Amino acid sequence: MVGDREGFRRQGRVMRDLAAFRHEALRALARAGAAASAASGPEDALWTITRTLPDALGDREAHLKPGNLKEGERQQFASGCFMVMPDRQTNILVAPVNFGAKQRHMRIAHDLGHPGHVIKTKQPMLLANTDEHRSFVKILETFRAGSPMFAPMMWQGEALGVLICAAQARHTMSEADLEVHVAFSHLAAAQWIAHGGPEWLRTSFG
């Protein structure tokens, strides 16, 4: 109970109320699912999810804590999906939010960075502070992610791609956020299949 009621004051600071966070996240998941089911195609379906994540996830006070932002940085979020191409040589960025203007449908090597690692291992990953991970590869053009999460989009035992949500301020994302992020990744996978995502990739991008 105490772990879920982090609205109590600790050392003079108000911590996150995880019970309220999970309640609101469930409502966001339901809204995104309904919107995705009504979408006109696979990318539009994923966009209903990637546009939801930046508002639904993360500690909204993280950027105020000393050391979580460096000079010249500001708190901002990005989200998107790297989907595995049919040849399994590259992954393509679909439904990006706050990536660079020309990054939509960009391709990266299938094994590049943490997106590639998560697709390979089929396990979600949280990097609470990327400064502590020398292997972190900057892909975003808009900012350097300080606190990203990755979750494989699983379907019948295979990773179709990876769902990403990232913030610039370090320690924005936590295990509680990752738990919700994984739930959204399952919704994303189901909607991708329901809207014919794999066939759309084949016919639109070869």
Protein backbone atom coordinates (compact mmCIF):
# COMPACT_ATOMS: atom_id res chain seq x y z
CA MET A 1 0.00 0.00 0.00
CA VAL A 2 2.78 2.40 0.91
CA GLY A 3 4.50 1.74 -2.42
CA ASP A 4 1.35 2.74 -4.30
CA ARG A 5 0.75 5.88 -2.28
CA GLU A 6 3.79 7.88 -3.16
CA GLY A 7 1.76 11.07 -2.87
CA PHE A 8 3.03 11.26 0.71
CA ARG A 9 5.86 13.67 1.43
CA ARG A 10 9.36 12.21 1.61
CA GLN A 11 12.25 14.37 2.73
CA GLY A 12 10.21 17.48 1.95
CA ARG A 13 9.33 16.43 -1.61
CA VAL A 14 6.00 15.27 -2.98
CA MET A 15 6.51 11.95 -4.74
CA ARG A 16 4.37 10.39 -7.46
CA ASP A 17 1.03 8.90 -6.51
CA LEU A 18 1.35 5.60 -8.34
CA ALA A 19 -2.20 4.51 -7.59
CA ALA A 20 -3.53 7.61 -9.37
CA PHE A 21 -0.99 7.14 -12.17
CA ARG A 22 -2.14 3.57 -12.83
CA HIS A 23 -5.79 4.62 -12.76
CA GLU A 24 -5.21 7.33 -15.34
CA ALA A 25 -3.01 5.03 -17.44
CA LEU A 26 -5.80 2.46 -17.63
CA ARG A 27 -8.19 5.13 -18.86
CA ALA A 28 -5.63 6.27 -21.44
CA LEU A 29 -5.16 2.68 -22.61
CA ALA A 30 -8.91 2.28 -23.09
CA ARG A 31 -9.19 5.53 -25.05
CA ALA A 32 -6.23 4.67 -27.26
CA GLY A 33 -7.62 1.20 -27.94
CA ALA A 34 -10.97 2.58 -29.04
CA ALA A 35 -9.34 5.18 -31.28
CA ALA A 36 -6.96 2.63 -32.79
CA SER A 37 -9.83 0.28 -33.61
CA ALA A 38 -11.50 3.11 -35.52
CA ALA A 39 -8.32 4.12 -37.38
CA SER A 40 -8.13 4.00 -41.18
CA GLY A 41 -4.87 2.07 -41.43
CA PRO A 42 -1.93 0.56 -39.56
CA GLU A 43 0.13 3.71 -39.10
CA ASP A 44 -2.89 5.74 -38.02
CA ALA A 45 -3.70 3.01 -35.51
CA LEU A 46 -0.20 3.17 -34.06
CA TRP A 47 -0.33 6.97 -33.99
CA THR A 48 -3.28 6.85 -31.60
CA ILE A 49 -0.92 5.02 -29.24
CA THR A 50 2.31 6.95 -29.79
CA ARG A 51 0.45 10.25 -29.38
CA THR A 52 -0.99 9.02 -26.09
CA LEU A 53 2.25 7.86 -24.45
CA PRO A 54 4.01 11.23 -23.94
CA ASP A 55 1.06 12.52 -21.93
CA ALA A 56 0.43 9.27 -20.06
CA LEU A 57 3.91 8.22 -18.93
CA GLY A 58 6.67 9.61 -16.79
CA ASP A 59 7.21 11.58 -13.61
CA ARG A 60 5.92 15.07 -14.37
CA GLU A 61 8.25 16.56 -11.76
CA ALA A 62 11.44 14.81 -12.93
CA HIS A 63 12.76 17.82 -14.80
CA LEU A 64 12.65 19.91 -11.62
CA LYS A 65 15.06 17.67 -9.74
CA PRO A 66 18.73 18.73 -9.71
CA GLY A 67 20.89 16.95 -12.27
CA ASN A 68 18.08 15.55 -14.42
CA LEU A 69 18.50 18.25 -17.07
CA LYS A 70 21.81 19.62 -18.28
CA GLU A 71 22.44 23.18 -19.36
CA GLY A 72 20.52 24.00 -22.53
CA GLU A 73 18.14 21.06 -22.18
CA ARG A 74 14.40 21.18 -21.52
CA GLN A 75 11.87 18.53 -20.68
CA GLN A 76 10.27 17.01 -23.77
CA PHE A 77 9.03 13.64 -24.92
CA ALA A 78 9.10 11.51 -28.06
CA SER A 79 7.46 8.26 -29.07
CA GLY A 80 7.30 5.95 -32.06
CA CYS A 81 7.58 2.39 -33.33
CA PHE A 82 10.46 0.76 -35.14
CA MET A 83 8.86 -2.03 -37.15
CA VAL A 84 10.81 -4.96 -38.55
CA MET A 85 10.96 -4.93 -42.35
CA PRO A 86 10.09 -8.17 -44.18
CA ASP A 87 13.73 -8.86 -45.06
CA ARG A 88 14.68 -8.49 -41.35
CA GLN A 89 17.69 -6.40 -42.36
CA THR A 90 16.28 -3.05 -41.29
CA ASN A 91 13.66 -1.53 -39.00
CA ILE A 92 11.46 1.35 -40.16
CA LEU A 93 10.18 4.21 -38.01
CA VAL A 94 6.38 4.35 -38.01
CA ALA A 95 4.01 6.77 -36.25
CA PRO A 96 6.73 9.02 -34.82
CA VAL A 97 5.96 11.78 -32.34
CA ASN A 98 8.56 14.56 -31.86
CA PHE A 99 11.19 12.89 -34.00
CA GLY A 100 12.92 14.97 -36.68
CA ALA A 101 10.71 16.23 -39.50
CA LYS A 102 12.42 13.93 -42.01
CA GLN A 103 12.74 10.90 -39.73
CA ARG A 104 9.32 9.40 -40.42
CA HIS A 105 9.84 6.11 -42.29
CA MET A 106 13.60 6.29 -41.79
CA ARG A 107 15.32 2.91 -41.63
CA ILE A 108 17.95 1.74 -39.21
CA ALA A 109 19.95 -1.46 -39.13
CA HIS A 110 17.96 -4.33 -37.66
CA ASP A 111 20.42 -4.71 -34.78
CA LEU A 112 21.14 -1.03 -34.11
CA GLY A 113 21.18 0.15 -30.52
CA HIS A 114 18.60 -0.63 -27.90
CA PRO A 115 15.70 -0.95 -30.40
CA GLY A 116 17.59 -3.77 -32.10
CA HIS A 117 18.51 -5.35 -28.78
CA VAL A 118 14.91 -5.38 -27.57
CA ILE A 119 13.68 -6.90 -30.82
CA LYS A 120 16.35 -9.59 -30.54
CA THR A 121 15.80 -10.43 -26.88
CA LYS A 122 12.02 -9.87 -26.93
CA GLN A 123 12.33 -8.26 -23.50
CA PRO A 124 11.32 -4.72 -22.48
CA MET A 125 13.98 -2.30 -21.30
CA LEU A 126 14.12 0.84 -19.20
CA LEU A 127 17.09 3.20 -19.25
CA ALA A 128 16.28 5.52 -16.35
CA ASN A 129 19.41 7.58 -17.09
CA THR A 130 21.17 7.11 -20.42
CA ASP A 131 24.29 8.80 -19.05
CA GLU A 132 24.91 5.51 -17.24
CA HIS A 133 24.75 3.43 -20.44
CA ARG A 134 27.74 3.81 -22.74
CA SER A 135 26.06 1.64 -25.36
CA PHE A 136 23.22 4.13 -25.82
CA VAL A 137 22.88 5.25 -29.46
CA LYS A 138 21.25 8.61 -30.19
CA ILE A 139 18.66 8.17 -32.94
CA LEU A 140 16.32 11.09 -32.23
CA GLU A 141 17.22 14.28 -34.07
CA THR A 142 15.15 16.53 -31.80
CA PHE A 143 16.94 15.82 -28.51
CA ARG A 144 19.13 13.34 -26.68
CA ALA A 145 16.89 10.98 -24.74
CA GLY A 146 17.80 10.96 -21.08
CA SER A 147 15.20 8.43 -19.96
CA PRO A 148 13.79 6.10 -22.65
CA MET A 149 11.75 2.89 -22.55
CA PHE A 150 11.51 0.12 -25.12
CA ALA A 151 8.96 -2.69 -25.35
CA PRO A 152 8.77 -5.40 -28.02
CA MET A 153 5.54 -5.60 -29.98
CA MET A 154 4.94 -9.32 -29.69
CA TRP A 155 2.68 -11.47 -31.88
CA GLN A 156 2.65 -15.28 -31.78
CA GLY A 157 6.11 -15.41 -30.28
CA GLU A 158 7.73 -12.98 -32.71
CA ALA A 159 8.72 -9.35 -32.21
CA LEU A 160 7.02 -7.28 -34.91
CA GLY A 161 8.87 -4.19 -33.79
CA VAL A 162 9.54 -2.08 -30.71
CA LEU A 163 7.44 0.64 -29.08
CA ILE A 164 9.50 3.54 -27.72
CA CYS A 165 8.75 6.40 -25.38
CA ALA A 166 11.51 8.75 -24.23
CA ALA A 167 11.99 11.92 -22.20
CA GLN A 168 14.92 14.29 -22.11
CA ALA A 169 15.05 14.63 -18.33
CA ARG A 170 16.87 11.78 -16.69
CA HIS A 171 14.89 9.59 -14.27
CA THR A 172 11.57 10.57 -15.84
CA MET A 173 10.70 6.94 -16.51
CA SER A 174 10.47 4.25 -13.82
CA GLU A 175 9.52 0.60 -13.52
CA ALA A 176 5.91 1.70 -12.99
CA ASP A 177 6.00 3.48 -16.34
CA LEU A 178 7.59 0.49 -18.03
CA GLU A 179 4.79 -1.74 -16.77
CA VAL A 180 2.21 0.48 -18.45
CA HIS A 181 4.37 0.90 -21.55
CA VAL A 182 4.43 -2.88 -22.00
CA ALA A 183 0.63 -2.96 -21.83
CA PHE A 184 0.51 -0.37 -24.62
CA SER A 185 2.98 -2.45 -26.66
CA HIS A 186 0.57 -5.40 -26.61
CA LEU A 187 -2.24 -3.13 -27.79
CA ALA A 188 0.03 -1.77 -30.52
CA ALA A 189 0.92 -5.26 -31.76
CA ALA A 190 -2.71 -6.36 -31.92
CA GLN A 191 -3.76 -3.20 -33.76
CA TRP A 192 -0.84 -3.52 -36.19
CA ILE A 193 -1.98 -7.00 -37.15
CA ALA A 194 -5.67 -6.10 -37.22
CA HIS A 195 -5.01 -3.26 -39.65
CA GLY A 196 -2.77 -5.30 -41.94
CA GLY A 197 0.52 -3.73 -40.90
CA PRO A 198 2.85 -6.43 -42.30
CA GLU A 199 1.17 -6.32 -45.71
CA TRP A 200 1.28 -2.50 -45.66
CA LEU A 201 5.03 -2.66 -45.13
CA ARG A 202 5.48 -5.09 -48.02
CA THR A 203 3.37 -3.12 -50.49
CA SER A 204 4.44 0.38 -49.43
CA PHE A 205 8.15 -0.07 -48.80
CA GLY A 206 9.16 -3.30 -50.48
